[in-house]
C-alpha cells in the first residue's frame, strides 16, 4: 500500500529514510524533515547555500521504504526505496540523539541534530561535496565531491579529524561506501572507475572499470557493499543501463545486469562479464542502488520503476561466483 506523507514545495534531489524520519534535500538548499508516525508534520528549512546533493540518517529503518514524486511532488512511502542520495549511517550522538548528515554544493558537510536541526558540526572542503559515508563501526568517514580527491576522517562523537587525502581517478566522484567490516571502502567516479582501498594502507587495493567505461553513460553513479551476513559483494551502477556486481573475495569475478534499454523498460537481462551484452542507444537512467539490510536482495531504481534481484546466498557458499540471481 502507498500513503501520502506530505507535499513538497520544491524539486527533490536527495532523500533518506531511517527510524521514524524521512528527510529530503532540494536544489536550493531546502531540507524537509517528516516523521513517518505523523503524516503532514513536514518541516522545511534551508541548510547550506546551494544544492543538498546528499542526506543521510543514522539508524537502519524498521523496513525498506520508498518514495515516489508525481506532478504534485508528493512524498510517499511504499515497499521498497532506492535513490541516489540514500543511506543509513552509524552517526548517533553520544546521548543517542539522532543525527542528520548533509552534503552541499557549497563545499560543506553538516551534521545536524534531529528533530531540532541544530547545527553540531560543519566541515569545509575545497570542492562541492557529492557524497559522504560513515563506516559501520562509526569511527571513520569518507567524503567525495567534484574533484578526484577522497577525504578520510576519524570520527569522535560529533567531531571529525582528517587523516588522509587520497586520489581516486582523473575525474569527479559521485559515491562512496564502506564494507561491512569497516576495513575497505570504495569510490565511484565520473570517468567510469571504481577504486577500492583497505583502510590499513593508502595504496589502492584495486581499480575496476564500468562496462560502458569511456562513454558518458558509463559513469559510476552509485557504489554499495553488501551490508551484512556472509555475502561479500560490491555493486555499482552506471549512468544508464547496467549494474556491475563484483565478488570482493578476490575482485576478479563479476556479473553484469542489463537492467533496462530503450526497447523495453520492463525487460531485465542478466549477463556474465564474458558475454559482452549489447549497449542500447538510449538506455534508461539508473536512479539509485542499494542492498537489503540482510543482503538478501539488491534493489535498482530506474526512472519509473524499482527492480528487485534476489541474492543467491546459498550459491555464494558452494561455488566461487558473484551471481545474484
C-alpha atoms as a PDB file:
ATOM      1  CA  UNK A   1       0.000   0.000   0.000  1.00  0.00           C
ATOM      2  CA  UNK A   2       1.013   3.636  -0.507  1.00  0.00           C
ATOM      3  CA  UNK A   3       0.140   6.630   1.615  1.00  0.00           C
ATOM      4  CA  UNK A   4       0.891  10.307   1.204  1.00  0.00           C
ATOM      5  CA  UNK A   5       3.109  11.746   3.941  1.00  0.00           C
ATOM      6  CA  UNK A   6       3.089  15.330   2.737  1.00  0.00           C
ATOM      7  CA  UNK A   7       3.554  17.665  -0.211  1.00  0.00           C
ATOM      8  CA  UNK A   8       6.870  19.222  -1.195  1.00  0.00           C
ATOM      9  CA  UNK A   9       7.168  22.794  -2.433  1.00  0.00           C
ATOM     10  CA  UNK A  10      10.489  22.061  -4.154  1.00  0.00           C
ATOM     11  CA  UNK A  11      12.053  19.514  -6.512  1.00  0.00           C
ATOM     12  CA  UNK A  12      13.798  16.738  -4.534  1.00  0.00           C
ATOM     13  CA  UNK A  13      17.451  15.910  -5.150  1.00  0.00           C
ATOM     14  CA  UNK A  14      18.313  13.539  -2.303  1.00  0.00           C
ATOM     15  CA  UNK A  15      16.351  11.529   0.237  1.00  0.00           C
ATOM     16  CA  UNK A  16      16.922   9.275   3.253  1.00  0.00           C
ATOM     17  CA  UNK A  17      14.648   7.155   5.432  1.00  0.00           C
ATOM     18  CA  UNK A  18      15.515   5.781   8.860  1.00  0.00           C
ATOM     19  CA  UNK A  19      13.675   5.052  12.074  1.00  0.00           C
ATOM     20  CA  UNK A  20      10.727   7.438  12.310  1.00  0.00           C
ATOM     21  CA  UNK A  21      12.209  10.052   9.968  1.00  0.00           C
ATOM     22  CA  UNK A  22      12.285  10.783   6.266  1.00  0.00           C
ATOM     23  CA  UNK A  23      14.487  13.650   5.032  1.00  0.00           C
ATOM     24  CA  UNK A  24      14.565  15.238   1.563  1.00  0.00           C
ATOM     25  CA  UNK A  25      17.150  17.654   0.172  1.00  0.00           C
ATOM     26  CA  UNK A  26      16.463  20.210  -2.579  1.00  0.00           C
ATOM     27  CA  UNK A  27      18.237  22.159  -5.309  1.00  0.00           C
ATOM     28  CA  UNK A  28      18.206  25.482  -3.434  1.00  0.00           C
ATOM     29  CA  UNK A  29      19.392  24.276  -0.021  1.00  0.00           C
ATOM     30  CA  UNK A  30      15.901  23.102   1.003  1.00  0.00           C
ATOM     31  CA  UNK A  31      15.757  20.438   3.690  1.00  0.00           C
ATOM     32  CA  UNK A  32      12.420  18.793   4.506  1.00  0.00           C
ATOM     33  CA  UNK A  33      12.036  16.572   7.589  1.00  0.00           C
ATOM     34  CA  UNK A  34       8.944  14.456   8.172  1.00  0.00           C
ATOM     35  CA  UNK A  35       8.084  11.929  10.894  1.00  0.00           C
ATOM     36  CA  UNK A  36       6.565   8.752   9.474  1.00  0.00           C
ATOM     37  CA  UNK A  37       4.346   8.462  12.541  1.00  0.00           C
ATOM     38  CA  UNK A  38       2.965  11.983  11.970  1.00  0.00           C
ATOM     39  CA  UNK A  39       1.929  12.427   8.307  1.00  0.00           C
ATOM     40  CA  UNK A  40       1.607  16.084   7.387  1.00  0.00           C
ATOM     41  CA  UNK A  41       4.143  17.190  10.006  1.00  0.00           C
ATOM     42  CA  UNK A  42       6.798  18.153   7.438  1.00  0.00           C
ATOM     43  CA  UNK A  43       9.255  20.872   8.479  1.00  0.00           C
ATOM     44  CA  UNK A  44      11.133  22.693   5.714  1.00  0.00           C
ATOM     45  CA  UNK A  45      14.272  24.756   6.372  1.00  0.00           C
ATOM     46  CA  UNK A  46      17.263  25.915   4.349  1.00  0.00           C
ATOM     47  CA  UNK A  47      20.594  24.252   5.095  1.00  0.00           C
ATOM     48  CA  UNK A  48      23.609  25.434   3.139  1.00  0.00           C
ATOM     49  CA  UNK A  49      23.970  27.774   0.226  1.00  0.00           C
ATOM     50  CA  UNK A  50      23.343  25.503  -2.757  1.00  0.00           C
ATOM     51  CA  UNK A  51      22.179  22.013  -3.764  1.00  0.00           C
ATOM     52  CA  UNK A  52      21.822  19.454  -0.973  1.00  0.00           C
ATOM     53  CA  UNK A  53      23.377  16.633  -3.001  1.00  0.00           C
ATOM     54  CA  UNK A  54      23.137  14.004  -0.291  1.00  0.00           C
ATOM     55  CA  UNK A  55      21.408  13.449   3.052  1.00  0.00           C
ATOM     56  CA  UNK A  56      21.855  10.550   5.473  1.00  0.00           C
ATOM     57  CA  UNK A  57      20.247   9.424   8.715  1.00  0.00           C
ATOM     58  CA  UNK A  58      21.893   7.439  11.445  1.00  0.00           C
ATOM     59  CA  UNK A  59      19.645   4.441  12.075  1.00  0.00           C
ATOM     60  CA  UNK A  60      18.567   1.498   9.978  1.00  0.00           C
ATOM     61  CA  UNK A  61      14.862   1.614   9.065  1.00  0.00           C
ATOM     62  CA  UNK A  62      12.462  -0.938  10.519  1.00  0.00           C
ATOM     63  CA  UNK A  63      11.580  -1.905   6.953  1.00  0.00           C
ATOM     64  CA  UNK A  64      12.634  -0.791   3.494  1.00  0.00           C
ATOM     65  CA  UNK A  65      10.752   2.330   2.428  1.00  0.00           C
ATOM     66  CA  UNK A  66      10.068   4.001  -0.909  1.00  0.00           C
ATOM     67  CA  UNK A  67       9.391   7.430  -2.307  1.00  0.00           C
ATOM     68  CA  UNK A  68       7.649   8.450  -5.494  1.00  0.00           C
ATOM     69  CA  UNK A  69       7.297  12.002  -6.747  1.00  0.00           C
ATOM     70  CA  UNK A  70       4.394  12.830  -9.077  1.00  0.00           C
ATOM     71  CA  UNK A  71       3.328  16.046 -10.727  1.00  0.00           C
ATOM     72  CA  UNK A  72       2.323  17.438  -7.314  1.00  0.00           C
ATOM     73  CA  UNK A  73       5.714  16.416  -5.907  1.00  0.00           C
ATOM     74  CA  UNK A  74       4.034  14.285  -3.267  1.00  0.00           C
ATOM     75  CA  UNK A  75       6.141  12.363  -0.810  1.00  0.00           C
ATOM     76  CA  UNK A  76       5.114   8.736  -0.429  1.00  0.00           C
ATOM     77  CA  UNK A  77       6.276   5.637   1.397  1.00  0.00           C
ATOM     78  CA  UNK A  78       5.993   2.130  -0.039  1.00  0.00           C
ATOM     79  CA  UNK A  79       7.534  -1.350  -0.010  1.00  0.00           C
ATOM     80  CA  UNK A  80      10.993  -0.543  -1.352  1.00  0.00           C
ATOM     81  CA  UNK A  81      13.098   2.565  -1.650  1.00  0.00           C
ATOM     82  CA  UNK A  82      16.050   3.391  -3.870  1.00  0.00           C
ATOM     83  CA  UNK A  83      17.524   6.807  -4.610  1.00  0.00           C
ATOM     84  CA  UNK A  84      20.842   8.466  -5.422  1.00  0.00           C
ATOM     85  CA  UNK A  85      21.074  10.108  -2.022  1.00  0.00           C
ATOM     86  CA  UNK A  86      20.022   7.411   0.408  1.00  0.00           C
ATOM     87  CA  UNK A  87      21.974   5.601   3.074  1.00  0.00           C
ATOM     88  CA  UNK A  88      21.788   4.932   6.798  1.00  0.00           C
ATOM     89  CA  UNK A  89      24.841   5.726   8.876  1.00  0.00           C
ATOM     90  CA  UNK A  90      26.112   4.919  12.316  1.00  0.00           C
ATOM     91  CA  UNK A  91      26.276   8.564  13.418  1.00  0.00           C
ATOM     92  CA  UNK A  92      24.054   8.617  16.508  1.00  0.00           C
ATOM     93  CA  UNK A  93      25.386  11.116  19.036  1.00  0.00           C
ATOM     94  CA  UNK A  94      26.837  10.343  22.422  1.00  0.00           C
ATOM     95  CA  UNK A  95      23.450  10.953  24.061  1.00  0.00           C
ATOM     96  CA  UNK A  96      21.679   8.746  21.493  1.00  0.00           C
ATOM     97  CA  UNK A  97      20.240  11.789  19.711  1.00  0.00           C
ATOM     98  CA  UNK A  98      19.528  11.075  16.013  1.00  0.00           C
ATOM     99  CA  UNK A  99      21.901  12.816  13.620  1.00  0.00           C
ATOM    100  CA  UNK A 100      21.459  14.041  10.062  1.00  0.00           C
ATOM    101  CA  UNK A 101      24.405  14.341   7.667  1.00  0.00           C
ATOM    102  CA  UNK A 102      24.031  16.805   4.752  1.00  0.00           C
ATOM    103  CA  UNK A 103      26.425  17.239   1.789  1.00  0.00           C
ATOM    104  CA  UNK A 104      26.057  20.501  -0.106  1.00  0.00           C
ATOM    105  CA  UNK A 105      27.395  22.098  -3.277  1.00  0.00           C
ATOM    106  CA  UNK A 106      28.641  24.999  -1.125  1.00  0.00           C
ATOM    107  CA  UNK A 107      31.694  22.846  -0.237  1.00  0.00           C
ATOM    108  CA  UNK A 108      30.359  21.705   3.162  1.00  0.00           C
ATOM    109  CA  UNK A 109      29.300  18.650   5.111  1.00  0.00           C
ATOM    110  CA  UNK A 110      26.999  19.493   8.018  1.00  0.00           C
ATOM    111  CA  UNK A 111      25.999  17.346  10.983  1.00  0.00           C
ATOM    112  CA  UNK A 112      22.590  18.313  12.405  1.00  0.00           C
ATOM    113  CA  UNK A 113      20.612  17.100  15.413  1.00  0.00           C
ATOM    114  CA  UNK A 114      17.077  15.771  14.975  1.00  0.00           C
ATOM    115  CA  UNK A 115      14.371  16.866  15.343  1.00  0.00           C
ATOM    116  CA  UNK A 116      15.652  20.382  16.162  1.00  0.00           C
ATOM    117  CA  UNK A 117      18.021  20.600  13.143  1.00  0.00           C
ATOM    118  CA  UNK A 118      20.564  22.369  15.334  1.00  0.00           C
ATOM    119  CA  UNK A 119      23.996  22.580  13.679  1.00  0.00           C
ATOM    120  CA  UNK A 120      26.506  20.396  15.529  1.00  0.00           C
ATOM    121  CA  UNK A 121      29.474  20.265  13.154  1.00  0.00           C
ATOM    122  CA  UNK A 122      30.400  21.865   9.833  1.00  0.00           C
ATOM    123  CA  UNK A 123      33.296  20.642   7.682  1.00  0.00           C
ATOM    124  CA  UNK A 124      34.550  22.716   4.735  1.00  0.00           C
ATOM    125  CA  UNK A 125      36.168  21.326   1.586  1.00  0.00           C
ATOM    126  CA  UNK A 126      37.953  22.743  -1.482  1.00  0.00           C
ATOM    127  CA  UNK A 127      35.213  21.439  -3.775  1.00  0.00           C
ATOM    128  CA  UNK A 128      31.460  20.842  -3.954  1.00  0.00           C
ATOM    129  CA  UNK A 129      30.585  17.748  -1.901  1.00  0.00           C
ATOM    130  CA  UNK A 130      28.557  14.985  -3.543  1.00  0.00           C
ATOM    131  CA  UNK A 131      28.578  12.157  -1.013  1.00  0.00           C
ATOM    132  CA  UNK A 132      29.785  11.040   2.418  1.00  0.00           C
ATOM    133  CA  UNK A 133      29.800   7.630   4.037  1.00  0.00           C
ATOM    134  CA  UNK A 134      30.430   6.754   7.692  1.00  0.00           C
ATOM    135  CA  UNK A 135      31.854   3.289   8.351  1.00  0.00           C
ATOM    136  CA  UNK A 136      29.621   0.674  10.055  1.00  0.00           C
ATOM    137  CA  UNK A 137      31.781   0.849  13.193  1.00  0.00           C
ATOM    138  CA  UNK A 138      31.018   4.582  13.376  1.00  0.00           C
ATOM    139  CA  UNK A 139      34.599   5.825  13.665  1.00  0.00           C
ATOM    140  CA  UNK A 140      35.599   6.666  10.070  1.00  0.00           C
ATOM    141  CA  UNK A 141      34.112   8.789   7.288  1.00  0.00           C
ATOM    142  CA  UNK A 142      34.843   9.038   3.569  1.00  0.00           C
ATOM    143  CA  UNK A 143      33.855  12.185   1.605  1.00  0.00           C
ATOM    144  CA  UNK A 144      33.918  12.736  -2.188  1.00  0.00           C
ATOM    145  CA  UNK A 145      32.932  15.598  -4.483  1.00  0.00           C
ATOM    146  CA  UNK A 146      33.590  17.475  -7.722  1.00  0.00           C
ATOM    147  CA  UNK A 147      37.288  16.580  -7.816  1.00  0.00           C
ATOM    148  CA  UNK A 148      39.314  13.372  -7.867  1.00  0.00           C
ATOM    149  CA  UNK A 149      40.197  13.799  -4.196  1.00  0.00           C
ATOM    150  CA  UNK A 150      38.942  11.410  -1.487  1.00  0.00           C
ATOM    151  CA  UNK A 151      38.880  12.782   2.065  1.00  0.00           C
ATOM    152  CA  UNK A 152      39.187  10.406   5.020  1.00  0.00           C
ATOM    153  CA  UNK A 153      38.217  11.373   8.570  1.00  0.00           C
ATOM    154  CA  UNK A 154      38.386   9.832  12.005  1.00  0.00           C
ATOM    155  CA  UNK A 155      35.164  10.403  13.961  1.00  0.00           C
ATOM    156  CA  UNK A 156      34.992  11.026  17.701  1.00  0.00           C
ATOM    157  CA  UNK A 157      31.471  11.822  18.839  1.00  0.00           C
ATOM    158  CA  UNK A 158      30.367  14.836  16.812  1.00  0.00           C
ATOM    159  CA  UNK A 159      33.961  15.798  15.911  1.00  0.00           C
ATOM    160  CA  UNK A 160      35.827  14.783  12.760  1.00  0.00           C
ATOM    161  CA  UNK A 161      39.607  14.763  12.260  1.00  0.00           C
ATOM    162  CA  UNK A 162      41.001  14.499   8.724  1.00  0.00           C
ATOM    163  CA  UNK A 163      43.538  11.696   8.489  1.00  0.00           C
ATOM    164  CA  UNK A 164      44.255  11.439   4.751  1.00  0.00           C
ATOM    165  CA  UNK A 165      43.525  12.835   1.295  1.00  0.00           C
ATOM    166  CA  UNK A 166      43.684  10.235  -1.490  1.00  0.00           C
ATOM    167  CA  UNK A 167      43.281  10.340  -5.283  1.00  0.00           C
ATOM    168  CA  UNK A 168      40.634   8.148  -6.914  1.00  0.00           C
ATOM    169  CA  UNK A 169      40.829   8.584 -10.723  1.00  0.00           C
ATOM    170  CA  UNK A 170      41.032  11.561 -13.085  1.00  0.00           C
ATOM    171  CA  UNK A 171      37.518  12.907 -12.608  1.00  0.00           C
ATOM    172  CA  UNK A 172      34.885  13.855 -10.046  1.00  0.00           C
ATOM    173  CA  UNK A 173      33.400  11.229  -7.732  1.00  0.00           C
ATOM    174  CA  UNK A 174      29.710  10.655  -7.040  1.00  0.00           C
ATOM    175  CA  UNK A 175      29.502   7.910  -4.445  1.00  0.00           C
ATOM    176  CA  UNK A 176      31.440   6.016  -1.776  1.00  0.00           C
ATOM    177  CA  UNK A 177      30.727   3.184   0.634  1.00  0.00           C
ATOM    178  CA  UNK A 178      32.326   1.020   3.343  1.00  0.00           C
ATOM    179  CA  UNK A 179      32.442  -2.746   3.581  1.00  0.00           C
ATOM    180  CA  UNK A 180      30.600  -4.347   6.471  1.00  0.00           C
ATOM    181  CA  UNK A 181      33.929  -4.943   8.274  1.00  0.00           C
ATOM    182  CA  UNK A 182      34.753  -1.184   8.055  1.00  0.00           C
ATOM    183  CA  UNK A 183      38.159  -2.159   6.620  1.00  0.00           C
ATOM    184  CA  UNK A 184      37.574  -1.490   2.909  1.00  0.00           C
ATOM    185  CA  UNK A 185      35.959   1.456   1.155  1.00  0.00           C
ATOM    186  CA  UNK A 186      35.095   2.082  -2.498  1.00  0.00           C
ATOM    187  CA  UNK A 187      34.672   5.277  -4.557  1.00  0.00           C
ATOM    188  CA  UNK A 188      32.741   5.574  -7.838  1.00  0.00           C
ATOM    189  CA  UNK A 189      33.820   8.233 -10.347  1.00  0.00           C
ATOM    190  CA  UNK A 190      32.534  10.108 -13.381  1.00  0.00           C
ATOM    191  CA  UNK A 191      35.121   8.562 -15.718  1.00  0.00           C
ATOM    192  CA  UNK A 192      33.824   5.038 -15.109  1.00  0.00           C
ATOM    193  CA  UNK A 193      36.274   3.842 -12.454  1.00  0.00           C
ATOM    194  CA  UNK A 194      35.545   2.280  -9.064  1.00  0.00           C
ATOM    195  CA  UNK A 195      38.553   2.483  -6.761  1.00  0.00           C
ATOM    196  CA  UNK A 196      38.874   0.316  -3.644  1.00  0.00           C
ATOM    197  CA  UNK A 197      41.188   0.847  -0.682  1.00  0.00           C
ATOM    198  CA  UNK A 198      41.964  -1.044   2.502  1.00  0.00           C
ATOM    199  CA  UNK A 199      41.921   1.398   5.416  1.00  0.00           C
ATOM    200  CA  UNK A 200      45.223  -0.052   6.642  1.00  0.00           C
ATOM    201  CA  UNK A 201      47.033   1.251   3.544  1.00  0.00           C
ATOM    202  CA  UNK A 202      46.878   4.397   1.422  1.00  0.00           C
ATOM    203  CA  UNK A 203      47.702   2.382  -1.707  1.00  0.00           C
ATOM    204  CA  UNK A 204      44.820   1.400  -3.985  1.00  0.00           C
ATOM    205  CA  UNK A 205      43.699  -2.169  -3.416  1.00  0.00           C
ATOM    206  CA  UNK A 206      42.122  -2.458  -6.873  1.00  0.00           C
ATOM    207  CA  UNK A 207      40.548  -0.272  -9.551  1.00  0.00           C
ATOM    208  CA  UNK A 208      37.589  -1.544 -11.572  1.00  0.00           C
ATOM    209  CA  UNK A 209      36.045  -0.247 -14.787  1.00  0.00           C
ATOM    210  CA  UNK A 210      32.349   0.004 -15.584  1.00  0.00           C
ATOM    211  CA  UNK A 211      31.090  -1.988 -18.584  1.00  0.00           C
ATOM    212  CA  UNK A 212      30.493   1.222 -20.572  1.00  0.00           C
ATOM    213  CA  UNK A 213      33.795   2.747 -19.439  1.00  0.00           C
ATOM    214  CA  UNK A 214      34.931   5.512 -21.779  1.00  0.00           C
ATOM    215  CA  UNK A 215      31.379   6.681 -22.525  1.00  0.00           C
ATOM    216  CA  UNK A 216      29.428   9.292 -20.582  1.00  0.00           C
ATOM    217  CA  UNK A 217      26.721   6.732 -19.816  1.00  0.00           C
ATOM    218  CA  UNK A 218      29.388   4.533 -18.197  1.00  0.00           C
ATOM    219  CA  UNK A 219      29.924   6.997 -15.331  1.00  0.00           C
ATOM    220  CA  UNK A 220      29.664   5.280 -11.952  1.00  0.00           C
ATOM    221  CA  UNK A 221      26.805   6.899 -10.026  1.00  0.00           C
ATOM    222  CA  UNK A 222      26.329   4.553  -7.066  1.00  0.00           C
ATOM    223  CA  UNK A 223      28.546   2.061  -5.258  1.00  0.00           C
ATOM    224  CA  UNK A 224      27.383  -0.239  -2.450  1.00  0.00           C
ATOM    225  CA  UNK A 225      28.921  -3.095  -0.479  1.00  0.00           C
ATOM    226  CA  UNK A 226      26.616  -5.861   0.753  1.00  0.00           C
ATOM    227  CA  UNK A 227      25.942  -4.680   4.320  1.00  0.00           C
ATOM    228  CA  UNK A 228      25.545  -7.829   6.408  1.00  0.00           C
ATOM    229  CA  UNK A 229      25.905 -11.562   6.797  1.00  0.00           C
ATOM    230  CA  UNK A 230      28.362 -13.737   4.889  1.00  0.00           C
ATOM    231  CA  UNK A 231      27.541 -12.195   1.495  1.00  0.00           C
ATOM    232  CA  UNK A 232      30.641 -10.422   0.195  1.00  0.00           C
ATOM    233  CA  UNK A 233      29.676  -8.382  -2.855  1.00  0.00           C
ATOM    234  CA  UNK A 234      30.280  -4.917  -4.241  1.00  0.00           C
ATOM    235  CA  UNK A 235      27.615  -3.493  -6.567  1.00  0.00           C
ATOM    236  CA  UNK A 236      27.989  -0.353  -8.652  1.00  0.00           C
ATOM    237  CA  UNK A 237      25.609   1.203 -11.152  1.00  0.00           C
ATOM    238  CA  UNK A 238      26.380   3.064 -14.366  1.00  0.00           C
ATOM    239  CA  UNK A 239      24.626   6.216 -15.518  1.00  0.00           C
ATOM    240  CA  UNK A 240      22.384   4.162 -17.802  1.00  0.00           C
ATOM    241  CA  UNK A 241      21.573   0.529 -18.411  1.00  0.00           C
ATOM    242  CA  UNK A 242      23.969  -1.591 -16.383  1.00  0.00           C
ATOM    243  CA  UNK A 243      24.751  -2.688 -12.839  1.00  0.00           C
ATOM    244  CA  UNK A 244      28.015  -4.472 -12.017  1.00  0.00           C
ATOM    245  CA  UNK A 245      28.319  -6.960  -9.140  1.00  0.00           C
ATOM    246  CA  UNK A 246      31.816  -7.939  -8.032  1.00  0.00           C
ATOM    247  CA  UNK A 247      32.994 -10.738  -5.757  1.00  0.00           C
ATOM    248  CA  UNK A 248      35.020  -8.952  -3.068  1.00  0.00           C
ATOM    249  CA  UNK A 249      36.808 -12.144  -2.060  1.00  0.00           C
ATOM    250  CA  UNK A 250      39.206 -11.580  -4.955  1.00  0.00           C
ATOM    251  CA  UNK A 251      37.680  -8.712  -7.039  1.00  0.00           C
ATOM    252  CA  UNK A 252      38.308 -10.926 -10.090  1.00  0.00           C
ATOM    253  CA  UNK A 253      34.801 -12.238 -10.769  1.00  0.00           C
ATOM    254  CA  UNK A 254      31.887 -10.098 -11.826  1.00  0.00           C
ATOM    255  CA  UNK A 255      28.305 -10.309 -13.047  1.00  0.00           C
ATOM    256  CA  UNK A 256      26.669  -7.598 -15.164  1.00  0.00           C
ATOM    257  CA  UNK A 257      22.940  -6.897 -15.030  1.00  0.00           C
ATOM    258  CA  UNK A 258      21.392  -5.241 -18.069  1.00  0.00           C
ATOM    259  CA  UNK A 259      18.521  -3.607 -16.226  1.00  0.00           C
ATOM    260  CA  UNK A 260      16.743  -1.600 -18.936  1.00  0.00           C
ATOM    261  CA  UNK A 261      17.054  -0.380 -22.518  1.00  0.00           C
ATOM    262  CA  UNK A 262      15.007   1.868 -24.736  1.00  0.00           C
ATOM    263  CA  UNK A 263      13.434  -1.182 -26.411  1.00  0.00           C
ATOM    264  CA  UNK A 264      11.682  -2.441 -23.301  1.00  0.00           C
ATOM    265  CA  UNK A 265      11.623  -0.739 -19.927  1.00  0.00           C
ATOM    266  CA  UNK A 266      10.260  -3.920 -18.353  1.00  0.00           C
ATOM    267  CA  UNK A 267      12.792  -6.346 -19.804  1.00  0.00           C
ATOM    268  CA  UNK A 268      15.547  -7.388 -17.436  1.00  0.00           C
ATOM    269  CA  UNK A 269      18.530  -9.304 -18.762  1.00  0.00           C
ATOM    270  CA  UNK A 270      21.338 -10.945 -16.836  1.00  0.00           C
ATOM    271  CA  UNK A 271      24.710 -11.253 -18.490  1.00  0.00           C
ATOM    272  CA  UNK A 272      28.087 -12.557 -17.438  1.00  0.00           C
ATOM    273  CA  UNK A 273      31.240 -10.493 -17.787  1.00  0.00           C
ATOM    274  CA  UNK A 274      32.406 -12.572 -20.746  1.00  0.00           C
ATOM    275  CA  UNK A 275      29.113 -12.346 -22.622  1.00  0.00           C
ATOM    276  CA  UNK A 276      29.641  -8.718 -23.729  1.00  0.00           C
ATOM    277  CA  UNK A 277      25.990  -7.566 -23.550  1.00  0.00           C
ATOM    278  CA  UNK A 278      24.937  -5.120 -26.246  1.00  0.00           C
ATOM    279  CA  UNK A 279      24.572  -1.435 -25.476  1.00  0.00           C
ATOM    280  CA  UNK A 280      21.251   0.255 -26.240  1.00  0.00           C
ATOM    281  CA  UNK A 281      21.383   3.697 -27.818  1.00  0.00           C
ATOM    282  CA  UNK A 282      19.081   5.316 -25.251  1.00  0.00           C
ATOM    283  CA  UNK A 283      19.277   3.278 -22.064  1.00  0.00           C
ATOM    284  CA  UNK A 284      17.140   4.432 -19.161  1.00  0.00           C
ATOM    285  CA  UNK A 285      18.941   6.211 -16.371  1.00  0.00           C
ATOM    286  CA  UNK A 286      19.602   4.311 -13.165  1.00  0.00           C
ATOM    287  CA  UNK A 287      18.456   6.493 -10.279  1.00  0.00           C
ATOM    288  CA  UNK A 288      19.769   4.500  -7.347  1.00  0.00           C
ATOM    289  CA  UNK A 289      21.108   1.282  -5.888  1.00  0.00           C
ATOM    290  CA  UNK A 290      21.095  -0.477  -2.527  1.00  0.00           C
ATOM    291  CA  UNK A 291      21.143  -3.899  -0.885  1.00  0.00           C
ATOM    292  CA  UNK A 292      18.507  -5.080   1.557  1.00  0.00           C
ATOM    293  CA  UNK A 293      19.717  -4.717   5.138  1.00  0.00           C
ATOM    294  CA  UNK A 294      20.199  -8.513   5.398  1.00  0.00           C
ATOM    295  CA  UNK A 295      21.901  -8.671   1.954  1.00  0.00           C
ATOM    296  CA  UNK A 296      19.154 -10.976   0.663  1.00  0.00           C
ATOM    297  CA  UNK A 297      18.240  -8.705  -2.251  1.00  0.00           C
ATOM    298  CA  UNK A 298      19.557  -5.927  -4.444  1.00  0.00           C
ATOM    299  CA  UNK A 299      17.256  -3.025  -5.382  1.00  0.00           C
ATOM    300  CA  UNK A 300      17.871  -0.986  -8.539  1.00  0.00           C
ATOM    301  CA  UNK A 301      15.984   2.251  -9.111  1.00  0.00           C
ATOM    302  CA  UNK A 302      15.046   3.302 -12.637  1.00  0.00           C
ATOM    303  CA  UNK A 303      13.292   6.457 -13.787  1.00  0.00           C
ATOM    304  CA  UNK A 304       9.808   4.920 -13.434  1.00  0.00           C
ATOM    305  CA  UNK A 305      10.273   1.691 -11.502  1.00  0.00           C
ATOM    306  CA  UNK A 306      12.259  -0.221  -8.898  1.00  0.00           C
ATOM    307  CA  UNK A 307      13.729  -3.648  -9.678  1.00  0.00           C
ATOM    308  CA  UNK A 308      14.456  -6.289  -7.046  1.00  0.00           C
ATOM    309  CA  UNK A 309      17.043  -9.038  -7.513  1.00  0.00           C
ATOM    310  CA  UNK A 310      17.306 -11.900  -5.059  1.00  0.00           C
ATOM    311  CA  UNK A 311      20.847 -12.662  -3.930  1.00  0.00           C
ATOM    312  CA  UNK A 312      21.727 -16.361  -4.162  1.00  0.00           C
ATOM    313  CA  UNK A 313      23.233 -16.592  -0.708  1.00  0.00           C
ATOM    314  CA  UNK A 314      23.370 -20.409  -0.745  1.00  0.00           C
ATOM    315  CA  UNK A 315      25.225 -20.406  -4.040  1.00  0.00           C
ATOM    316  CA  UNK A 316      27.745 -17.964  -2.657  1.00  0.00           C
ATOM    317  CA  UNK A 317      28.933 -20.659  -0.238  1.00  0.00           C
ATOM    318  CA  UNK A 318      29.034 -23.547  -2.692  1.00  0.00           C
ATOM    319  CA  UNK A 319      30.987 -22.116  -5.617  1.00  0.00           C
ATOM    320  CA  UNK A 320      33.158 -19.162  -6.493  1.00  0.00           C
ATOM    321  CA  UNK A 321      30.641 -16.893  -8.199  1.00  0.00           C
ATOM    322  CA  UNK A 322      29.175 -13.453  -7.778  1.00  0.00           C
ATOM    323  CA  UNK A 323      25.894 -14.445  -9.424  1.00  0.00           C
ATOM    324  CA  UNK A 324      22.957 -12.610  -7.912  1.00  0.00           C
ATOM    325  CA  UNK A 325      20.036 -14.479  -9.476  1.00  0.00           C
END
